Amino acid sequence: MESGEGALVPLDEEPAAPALAEGAHVPAEQPTAADAVAAGALSSDSLAAVDPALRERVERVIRRMKDEYGHDVRVSETWRDQRRQDALYAQGRSEPGQVVTWTRHSRHTQGLAADLVVDGSYTGTTAYARLQRIAAEEGLRTLGARDPGHVELPAELASGATIEALV
């Protein structure tokens, strides 16, 4: 038993929560980004789900790809929760399908990465080389040929906004 404030509480029991004063406000549990996606308020391809610094840079990349080369770039995925990341990691390993990720610790789960598709395809090597060059000029990192449409914001450029604050 331990003592605290004069009352003895057995070590295997939690102390009772203090009673709230009558009329006291109990804050509601804050919704998470996963809740927003599940409720349809946010899609996993929405730039609203990423760090504002990443969003601005990706928007510039998309605009420049169109203006400079005539390529249509769309966002295929941005933020994902850890459950989705784990499922993607299992793909091609313990689950059917092709391997599509090399890590369980993706910057997607932090709102610091986006996957982009150029001209509706993943096959245009020239288009993806252009995408990677422009992304680098805008301060984004890419994974090169390993994952040509993936762009991510270096940690030192992140605004520090949490995913929950973005939704």
Foldseek 3Di string as FASTA:
>chain_A
DDDDPHDDDPPVDDDDDDDDDPPDDDDDDFDFVVNCCVVVVDPQQDLLQAFPLQSVLVVVLQVCLCVVPNKHKGWDGAADALVVLVVQCCDVPVDDDDNDDDDSDDCSNFRFKTFMDINNDPPDPVSLVSSQVSSVVSQWHDPPPSRSRMTGHPPVRGPPDGSSNSD
